[in-house]
All heavy atoms as atom14 arrays in JSON, in Angstrom:
{
  "sequence": "ELIIDWVGVSFAEHASALLAVLAVSTTLTVAGQFNSGM",
  "atom14_mask": [
    [1, 1, 1, 1, 1, 1, 1, 1, 1, 0, 0, 0, 0, 0],
    [1, 1, 1, 1, 1, 1, 1, 1, 0, 0, 0, 0, 0, 0],
    [1, 1, 1, 1, 1, 1, 1, 1, 0, 0, 0, 0, 0, 0],
    [1, 1, 1, 1, 1, 1, 1, 1, 0, 0, 0, 0, 0, 0],
    [1, 1, 1, 1, 1, 1, 1, 1, 0, 0, 0, 0, 0, 0],
    [1, 1, 1, 1, 1, 1, 1, 1, 1, 1, 1, 1, 1, 1],
    [1, 1, 1, 1, 1, 1, 1, 0, 0, 0, 0, 0, 0, 0],
    [1, 1, 1, 1, 0, 0, 0, 0, 0, 0, 0, 0, 0, 0],
    [1, 1, 1, 1, 1, 1, 1, 0, 0, 0, 0, 0, 0, 0],
    [1, 1, 1, 1, 1, 1, 0, 0, 0, 0, 0, 0, 0, 0],
    [1, 1, 1, 1, 1, 1, 1, 1, 1, 1, 1, 0, 0, 0],
    [1, 1, 1, 1, 1, 0, 0, 0, 0, 0, 0, 0, 0, 0],
    [1, 1, 1, 1, 1, 1, 1, 1, 1, 0, 0, 0, 0, 0],
    [1, 1, 1, 1, 1, 1, 1, 1, 1, 1, 0, 0, 0, 0],
    [1, 1, 1, 1, 1, 0, 0, 0, 0, 0, 0, 0, 0, 0],
    [1, 1, 1, 1, 1, 1, 0, 0, 0, 0, 0, 0, 0, 0],
    [1, 1, 1, 1, 1, 0, 0, 0, 0, 0, 0, 0, 0, 0],
    [1, 1, 1, 1, 1, 1, 1, 1, 0, 0, 0, 0, 0, 0],
    [1, 1, 1, 1, 1, 1, 1, 1, 0, 0, 0, 0, 0, 0],
    [1, 1, 1, 1, 1, 0, 0, 0, 0, 0, 0, 0, 0, 0],
    [1, 1, 1, 1, 1, 1, 1, 0, 0, 0, 0, 0, 0, 0],
    [1, 1, 1, 1, 1, 1, 1, 1, 0, 0, 0, 0, 0, 0],
    [1, 1, 1, 1, 1, 0, 0, 0, 0, 0, 0, 0, 0, 0],
    [1, 1, 1, 1, 1, 1, 1, 0, 0, 0, 0, 0, 0, 0],
    [1, 1, 1, 1, 1, 1, 0, 0, 0, 0, 0, 0, 0, 0],
    [1, 1, 1, 1, 1, 1, 1, 0, 0, 0, 0, 0, 0, 0],
    [1, 1, 1, 1, 1, 1, 1, 0, 0, 0, 0, 0, 0, 0],
    [1, 1, 1, 1, 1, 1, 1, 1, 0, 0, 0, 0, 0, 0],
    [1, 1, 1, 1, 1, 1, 1, 0, 0, 0, 0, 0, 0, 0],
    [1, 1, 1, 1, 1, 1, 1, 0, 0, 0, 0, 0, 0, 0],
    [1, 1, 1, 1, 1, 0, 0, 0, 0, 0, 0, 0, 0, 0],
    [1, 1, 1, 1, 0, 0, 0, 0, 0, 0, 0, 0, 0, 0],
    [1, 1, 1, 1, 1, 1, 1, 1, 1, 0, 0, 0, 0, 0],
    [1, 1, 1, 1, 1, 1, 1, 1, 1, 1, 1, 0, 0, 0],
    [1, 1, 1, 1, 1, 1, 1, 1, 0, 0, 0, 0, 0, 0],
    [1, 1, 1, 1, 1, 1, 0, 0, 0, 0, 0, 0, 0, 0],
    [1, 1, 1, 1, 0, 0, 0, 0, 0, 0, 0, 0, 0, 0],
    [1, 1, 1, 1, 1, 1, 1, 1, 0, 0, 0, 0, 0, 0]
  ],
  "atom14_positions": [
    [[0.73, -1.14, 0.02], [-0.11, 0.06, -0.02], [0.76, 1.19, 0.02], [0.52, 2.21, -0.69], [-1.01, -0.06, 1.24], [-2.05, -1.05, 1.13], [-1.55, -2.43, 1.35], [-0.45, -2.54, 1.93], [-2.3, -3.3, 0.94], [0.0, 0.0, 0.0], [0.0, 0.0, 0.0], [0.0, 0.0, 0.0], [0.0, 0.0, 0.0], [0.0, 0.0, 0.0]],
    [[1.91, 1.24, 0.7], [2.87, 2.37, 0.8], [3.49, 2.55, -0.64], [3.44, 3.91, -1.09], [4.02, 2.09, 1.86], [5.15, 3.1, 1.84], [4.64, 4.45, 2.21], [6.24, 2.69, 2.69], [0.0, 0.0, 0.0], [0.0, 0.0, 0.0], [0.0, 0.0, 0.0], [0.0, 0.0, 0.0], [0.0, 0.0, 0.0], [0.0, 0.0, 0.0]],
    [[3.91, 1.52, -1.32], [4.51, 1.82, -2.67], [3.52, 2.26, -3.71], [3.69, 3.07, -4.6], [5.09, 0.5, -3.13], [6.3, 0.2, -2.22], [5.71, 0.57, -4.52], [6.97, -1.19, -2.52], [0.0, 0.0, 0.0], [0.0, 0.0, 0.0], [0.0, 0.0, 0.0], [0.0, 0.0, 0.0], [0.0, 0.0, 0.0], [0.0, 0.0, 0.0]],
    [[2.28, 1.65, -3.62], [1.21, 2.19, -4.44], [0.94, 3.67, -4.26], [0.88, 4.47, -5.25], [-0.23, 1.47, -4.29], [-0.03, -0.01, -4.73], [-1.27, 2.14, -4.93], [-1.21, -0.88, -4.34], [0.0, 0.0, 0.0], [0.0, 0.0, 0.0], [0.0, 0.0, 0.0], [0.0, 0.0, 0.0], [0.0, 0.0, 0.0], [0.0, 0.0, 0.0]],
    [[0.81, 4.15, -3.02], [0.54, 5.65, -2.9], [1.78, 6.44, -3.1], [1.63, 7.59, -3.39], [0.14, 5.93, -1.26], [-1.25, 5.35, -0.98], [-2.07, 5.26, -2.05], [-1.64, 5.11, 0.01], [0.0, 0.0, 0.0], [0.0, 0.0, 0.0], [0.0, 0.0, 0.0], [0.0, 0.0, 0.0], [0.0, 0.0, 0.0], [0.0, 0.0, 0.0]],
    [[3.04, 5.86, -2.92], [4.19, 6.54, -3.08], [4.56, 6.67, -4.57], [4.74, 7.91, -5.1], [5.28, 5.79, -2.42], [6.65, 6.49, -2.29], [6.87, 7.84, -2.42], [8.0, 5.88, -2.25], [8.2, 8.15, -2.21], [8.88, 6.86, -2.22], [8.29, 4.5, -2.03], [10.22, 6.73, -2.0], [9.63, 4.26, -2.01], [10.54, 5.3, -2.02]],
    [[4.72, 5.65, -5.41], [5.2, 5.71, -6.76], [4.26, 4.95, -7.76], [4.68, 5.14, -8.96], [6.63, 5.13, -6.71], [7.74, 5.99, -6.03], [6.61, 3.63, -6.29], [0.0, 0.0, 0.0], [0.0, 0.0, 0.0], [0.0, 0.0, 0.0], [0.0, 0.0, 0.0], [0.0, 0.0, 0.0], [0.0, 0.0, 0.0], [0.0, 0.0, 0.0]],
    [[3.26, 4.27, -7.43], [2.42, 3.73, -8.26], [2.33, 2.22, -8.29], [3.09, 1.5, -7.68], [0.0, 0.0, 0.0], [0.0, 0.0, 0.0], [0.0, 0.0, 0.0], [0.0, 0.0, 0.0], [0.0, 0.0, 0.0], [0.0, 0.0, 0.0], [0.0, 0.0, 0.0], [0.0, 0.0, 0.0], [0.0, 0.0, 0.0], [0.0, 0.0, 0.0]],
    [[1.11, 1.81, -9.12], [0.94, 0.33, -9.06], [1.97, -0.44, -9.78], [2.31, -1.65, -9.23], [-0.45, 0.2, -9.77], [-0.82, -1.39, -9.91], [-1.62, 0.9, -9.08], [0.0, 0.0, 0.0], [0.0, 0.0, 0.0], [0.0, 0.0, 0.0], [0.0, 0.0, 0.0], [0.0, 0.0, 0.0], [0.0, 0.0, 0.0], [0.0, 0.0, 0.0]],
    [[2.54, 0.01, -10.8], [3.53, -0.87, -11.46], [4.79, -1.19, -10.61], [5.18, -2.29, -10.62], [4.06, -0.1, -12.75], [4.7, 1.14, -12.43], [0.0, 0.0, 0.0], [0.0, 0.0, 0.0], [0.0, 0.0, 0.0], [0.0, 0.0, 0.0], [0.0, 0.0, 0.0], [0.0, 0.0, 0.0], [0.0, 0.0, 0.0], [0.0, 0.0, 0.0]],
    [[5.23, -0.28, -9.83], [6.31, -0.54, -8.93], [5.84, -1.46, -7.8], [6.53, -2.28, -7.28], [6.81, 0.8, -8.25], [7.98, 1.4, -9.05], [7.65, 2.06, -10.24], [9.26, 1.17, -8.7], [8.67, 2.63, -10.99], [10.36, 1.67, -9.42], [9.97, 2.43, -10.65], [0.0, 0.0, 0.0], [0.0, 0.0, 0.0], [0.0, 0.0, 0.0]],
    [[4.59, -1.22, -7.26], [3.98, -2.09, -6.26], [3.86, -3.57, -6.69], [4.23, -4.46, -5.86], [2.68, -1.61, -5.79], [0.0, 0.0, 0.0], [0.0, 0.0, 0.0], [0.0, 0.0, 0.0], [0.0, 0.0, 0.0], [0.0, 0.0, 0.0], [0.0, 0.0, 0.0], [0.0, 0.0, 0.0], [0.0, 0.0, 0.0], [0.0, 0.0, 0.0]],
    [[3.55, -3.77, -7.92], [3.54, -5.2, -8.5], [4.77, -5.9, -8.42], [4.86, -7.16, -8.14], [2.88, -5.13, -9.85], [1.53, -4.7, -9.84], [0.84, -4.8, -11.35], [1.67, -4.84, -12.31], [-0.35, -4.6, -11.49], [0.0, 0.0, 0.0], [0.0, 0.0, 0.0], [0.0, 0.0, 0.0], [0.0, 0.0, 0.0], [0.0, 0.0, 0.0]],
    [[5.9, -5.13, -8.64], [7.26, -5.82, -8.74], [8.12, -5.76, -7.56], [8.92, -6.56, -7.39], [7.8, -5.18, -10.04], [7.36, -5.49, -11.28], [6.48, -4.63, -11.86], [7.54, -6.54, -12.22], [6.16, -5.11, -13.12], [6.72, -6.27, -13.3], [0.0, 0.0, 0.0], [0.0, 0.0, 0.0], [0.0, 0.0, 0.0], [0.0, 0.0, 0.0]],
    [[7.86, -4.72, -6.78], [8.88, -4.39, -5.58], [8.28, -4.63, -4.3], [9.11, -4.74, -3.38], [9.07, -2.93, -5.79], [0.0, 0.0, 0.0], [0.0, 0.0, 0.0], [0.0, 0.0, 0.0], [0.0, 0.0, 0.0], [0.0, 0.0, 0.0], [0.0, 0.0, 0.0], [0.0, 0.0, 0.0], [0.0, 0.0, 0.0], [0.0, 0.0, 0.0]],
    [[6.89, -4.75, -4.11], [6.27, -4.91, -2.76], [6.8, -6.3, -2.01], [7.17, -6.24, -0.9], [4.85, -4.87, -2.74], [4.32, -5.83, -3.5], [0.0, 0.0, 0.0], [0.0, 0.0, 0.0], [0.0, 0.0, 0.0], [0.0, 0.0, 0.0], [0.0, 0.0, 0.0], [0.0, 0.0, 0.0], [0.0, 0.0, 0.0], [0.0, 0.0, 0.0]],
    [[6.88, -7.37, -2.72], [7.43, -8.6, -2.05], [8.89, -8.49, -1.83], [9.26, -8.97, -0.77], [7.23, -9.75, -3.2], [0.0, 0.0, 0.0], [0.0, 0.0, 0.0], [0.0, 0.0, 0.0], [0.0, 0.0, 0.0], [0.0, 0.0, 0.0], [0.0, 0.0, 0.0], [0.0, 0.0, 0.0], [0.0, 0.0, 0.0], [0.0, 0.0, 0.0]],
    [[9.7, -7.81, -2.59], [10.99, -7.54, -2.29], [11.17, -6.74, -1.0], [12.19, -6.97, -0.16], [11.75, -6.78, -3.4], [12.23, -7.55, -4.57], [11.06, -8.13, -5.54], [13.25, -6.76, -5.42], [0.0, 0.0, 0.0], [0.0, 0.0, 0.0], [0.0, 0.0, 0.0], [0.0, 0.0, 0.0], [0.0, 0.0, 0.0], [0.0, 0.0, 0.0]],
    [[10.29, -5.83, -0.82], [10.37, -4.88, 0.4], [10.23, -5.64, 1.66], [10.89, -5.57, 2.66], [9.25, -3.86, 0.33], [9.28, -2.89, 1.42], [10.6, -2.08, 1.57], [8.07, -1.79, 1.27], [0.0, 0.0, 0.0], [0.0, 0.0, 0.0], [0.0, 0.0, 0.0], [0.0, 0.0, 0.0], [0.0, 0.0, 0.0], [0.0, 0.0, 0.0]],
    [[9.25, -6.69, 1.63], [9.09, -7.4, 2.86], [10.3, -8.38, 3.16], [10.82, -8.42, 4.29], [7.88, -8.35, 2.83], [0.0, 0.0, 0.0], [0.0, 0.0, 0.0], [0.0, 0.0, 0.0], [0.0, 0.0, 0.0], [0.0, 0.0, 0.0], [0.0, 0.0, 0.0], [0.0, 0.0, 0.0], [0.0, 0.0, 0.0], [0.0, 0.0, 0.0]],
    [[10.84, -8.96, 2.18], [11.96, -9.75, 2.3], [13.2, -8.98, 2.88], [13.95, -9.37, 3.88], [12.42, -10.47, 0.92], [13.68, -11.29, 1.2], [11.38, -11.48, 0.64], [0.0, 0.0, 0.0], [0.0, 0.0, 0.0], [0.0, 0.0, 0.0], [0.0, 0.0, 0.0], [0.0, 0.0, 0.0], [0.0, 0.0, 0.0], [0.0, 0.0, 0.0]],
    [[13.52, -7.84, 2.19], [14.7, -7.05, 2.57], [14.36, -6.33, 3.95], [15.4, -6.01, 4.56], [14.91, -6.07, 1.56], [15.35, -6.62, 0.2], [15.55, -5.53, -1.0], [16.7, -7.26, 0.32], [0.0, 0.0, 0.0], [0.0, 0.0, 0.0], [0.0, 0.0, 0.0], [0.0, 0.0, 0.0], [0.0, 0.0, 0.0], [0.0, 0.0, 0.0]],
    [[13.12, -6.01, 4.35], [12.93, -5.39, 5.61], [13.31, -6.47, 6.68], [13.94, -5.94, 7.7], [11.41, -4.97, 5.74], [0.0, 0.0, 0.0], [0.0, 0.0, 0.0], [0.0, 0.0, 0.0], [0.0, 0.0, 0.0], [0.0, 0.0, 0.0], [0.0, 0.0, 0.0], [0.0, 0.0, 0.0], [0.0, 0.0, 0.0], [0.0, 0.0, 0.0]],
    [[13.06, -7.69, 6.63], [13.38, -8.59, 7.67], [14.77, -8.8, 7.74], [15.43, -8.69, 8.78], [12.71, -10.08, 7.33], [13.28, -11.03, 8.24], [11.19, -10.08, 7.38], [0.0, 0.0, 0.0], [0.0, 0.0, 0.0], [0.0, 0.0, 0.0], [0.0, 0.0, 0.0], [0.0, 0.0, 0.0], [0.0, 0.0, 0.0], [0.0, 0.0, 0.0]],
    [[15.57, -8.82, 6.61], [16.95, -9.0, 6.53], [17.71, -7.75, 7.17], [18.52, -7.79, 7.96], [17.47, -9.13, 5.12], [18.81, -8.95, 5.01], [0.0, 0.0, 0.0], [0.0, 0.0, 0.0], [0.0, 0.0, 0.0], [0.0, 0.0, 0.0], [0.0, 0.0, 0.0], [0.0, 0.0, 0.0], [0.0, 0.0, 0.0], [0.0, 0.0, 0.0]],
    [[17.01, -6.54, 6.82], [17.73, -5.38, 7.33], [17.53, -5.23, 8.87], [18.41, -4.78, 9.62], [17.09, -4.07, 6.72], [17.32, -4.15, 5.29], [17.7, -2.77, 7.24], [0.0, 0.0, 0.0], [0.0, 0.0, 0.0], [0.0, 0.0, 0.0], [0.0, 0.0, 0.0], [0.0, 0.0, 0.0], [0.0, 0.0, 0.0], [0.0, 0.0, 0.0]],
    [[16.44, -5.63, 9.44], [16.16, -5.65, 10.82], [17.13, -6.47, 11.66], [17.68, -6.02, 12.53], [14.73, -6.08, 11.08], [13.79, -5.38, 10.45], [14.45, -6.09, 12.59], [0.0, 0.0, 0.0], [0.0, 0.0, 0.0], [0.0, 0.0, 0.0], [0.0, 0.0, 0.0], [0.0, 0.0, 0.0], [0.0, 0.0, 0.0], [0.0, 0.0, 0.0]],
    [[17.38, -7.71, 11.09], [18.27, -8.59, 11.73], [19.74, -8.24, 11.61], [20.55, -8.51, 12.61], [18.08, -10.18, 11.15], [16.65, -10.57, 11.56], [16.51, -12.04, 10.81], [16.36, -10.7, 12.93], [0.0, 0.0, 0.0], [0.0, 0.0, 0.0], [0.0, 0.0, 0.0], [0.0, 0.0, 0.0], [0.0, 0.0, 0.0], [0.0, 0.0, 0.0]],
    [[20.14, -7.81, 10.5], [21.5, -7.53, 10.25], [22.03, -6.15, 10.52], [23.01, -5.92, 11.2], [21.77, -7.89, 8.69], [21.08, -7.03, 7.8], [21.49, -9.23, 8.44], [0.0, 0.0, 0.0], [0.0, 0.0, 0.0], [0.0, 0.0, 0.0], [0.0, 0.0, 0.0], [0.0, 0.0, 0.0], [0.0, 0.0, 0.0], [0.0, 0.0, 0.0]],
    [[21.39, -5.13, 9.91], [21.86, -3.74, 10.19], [21.33, -3.16, 11.47], [22.18, -2.86, 12.26], [21.37, -2.87, 8.99], [22.0, -1.43, 9.19], [21.65, -3.54, 7.66], [0.0, 0.0, 0.0], [0.0, 0.0, 0.0], [0.0, 0.0, 0.0], [0.0, 0.0, 0.0], [0.0, 0.0, 0.0], [0.0, 0.0, 0.0], [0.0, 0.0, 0.0]],
    [[20.11, -3.28, 11.72], [19.53, -2.74, 12.93], [19.99, -3.57, 14.19], [20.32, -2.89, 15.23], [18.02, -2.79, 12.95], [0.0, 0.0, 0.0], [0.0, 0.0, 0.0], [0.0, 0.0, 0.0], [0.0, 0.0, 0.0], [0.0, 0.0, 0.0], [0.0, 0.0, 0.0], [0.0, 0.0, 0.0], [0.0, 0.0, 0.0], [0.0, 0.0, 0.0]],
    [[20.25, -4.88, 14.01], [20.59, -5.6, 15.2], [22.0, -5.84, 15.34], [22.45, -6.25, 16.45], [0.0, 0.0, 0.0], [0.0, 0.0, 0.0], [0.0, 0.0, 0.0], [0.0, 0.0, 0.0], [0.0, 0.0, 0.0], [0.0, 0.0, 0.0], [0.0, 0.0, 0.0], [0.0, 0.0, 0.0], [0.0, 0.0, 0.0], [0.0, 0.0, 0.0]],
    [[22.84, -5.58, 14.28], [24.26, -5.94, 14.49], [25.28, -4.91, 13.84], [26.44, -5.06, 13.98], [24.59, -7.26, 13.87], [24.11, -8.41, 14.6], [24.63, -8.57, 16.1], [25.78, -8.11, 16.22], [23.96, -9.22, 16.86], [0.0, 0.0, 0.0], [0.0, 0.0, 0.0], [0.0, 0.0, 0.0], [0.0, 0.0, 0.0], [0.0, 0.0, 0.0]],
    [[24.75, -3.8, 13.43], [25.68, -2.77, 12.82], [26.77, -2.33, 13.72], [27.96, -2.13, 13.4], [24.86, -1.62, 12.38], [25.82, -0.57, 11.54], [26.22, -0.78, 10.24], [26.17, 0.54, 12.19], [26.93, 0.13, 9.59], [27.03, 1.57, 11.54], [27.39, 1.28, 10.23], [0.0, 0.0, 0.0], [0.0, 0.0, 0.0], [0.0, 0.0, 0.0]],
    [[26.34, -2.15, 15.02], [27.34, -1.64, 16.07], [28.42, -2.64, 16.42], [29.52, -2.31, 16.81], [26.58, -1.25, 17.33], [25.83, 0.0, 17.2], [26.4, 1.09, 17.03], [24.48, -0.09, 17.01], [0.0, 0.0, 0.0], [0.0, 0.0, 0.0], [0.0, 0.0, 0.0], [0.0, 0.0, 0.0], [0.0, 0.0, 0.0], [0.0, 0.0, 0.0]],
    [[28.15, -3.92, 16.19], [29.16, -4.97, 16.42], [30.2, -4.73, 15.43], [31.51, -4.86, 15.74], [28.63, -6.35, 16.21], [27.6, -6.6, 17.32], [0.0, 0.0, 0.0], [0.0, 0.0, 0.0], [0.0, 0.0, 0.0], [0.0, 0.0, 0.0], [0.0, 0.0, 0.0], [0.0, 0.0, 0.0], [0.0, 0.0, 0.0], [0.0, 0.0, 0.0]],
    [[29.91, -4.54, 14.15], [30.93, -4.23, 13.18], [31.71, -2.88, 13.42], [32.95, -2.9, 13.23], [0.0, 0.0, 0.0], [0.0, 0.0, 0.0], [0.0, 0.0, 0.0], [0.0, 0.0, 0.0], [0.0, 0.0, 0.0], [0.0, 0.0, 0.0], [0.0, 0.0, 0.0], [0.0, 0.0, 0.0], [0.0, 0.0, 0.0], [0.0, 0.0, 0.0]],
    [[31.01, -1.81, 13.98], [31.75, -0.62, 14.26], [32.75, -0.83, 15.46], [33.67, -0.16, 15.52], [30.79, 0.45, 14.58], [29.91, 0.87, 13.33], [31.0, 1.73, 12.11], [31.22, 0.29, 10.94], [0.0, 0.0, 0.0], [0.0, 0.0, 0.0], [0.0, 0.0, 0.0], [0.0, 0.0, 0.0], [0.0, 0.0, 0.0], [0.0, 0.0, 0.0]]
  ]
}
């Protein structure tokens, strides 16, 4: 819904599934462990 309102239906059809996958990955890796690397 965010992508539809933001940039349109064509992007939502192709990008929304990617957003969910990458959101989970970003949560666990960057949000959860970035400071370990630093």
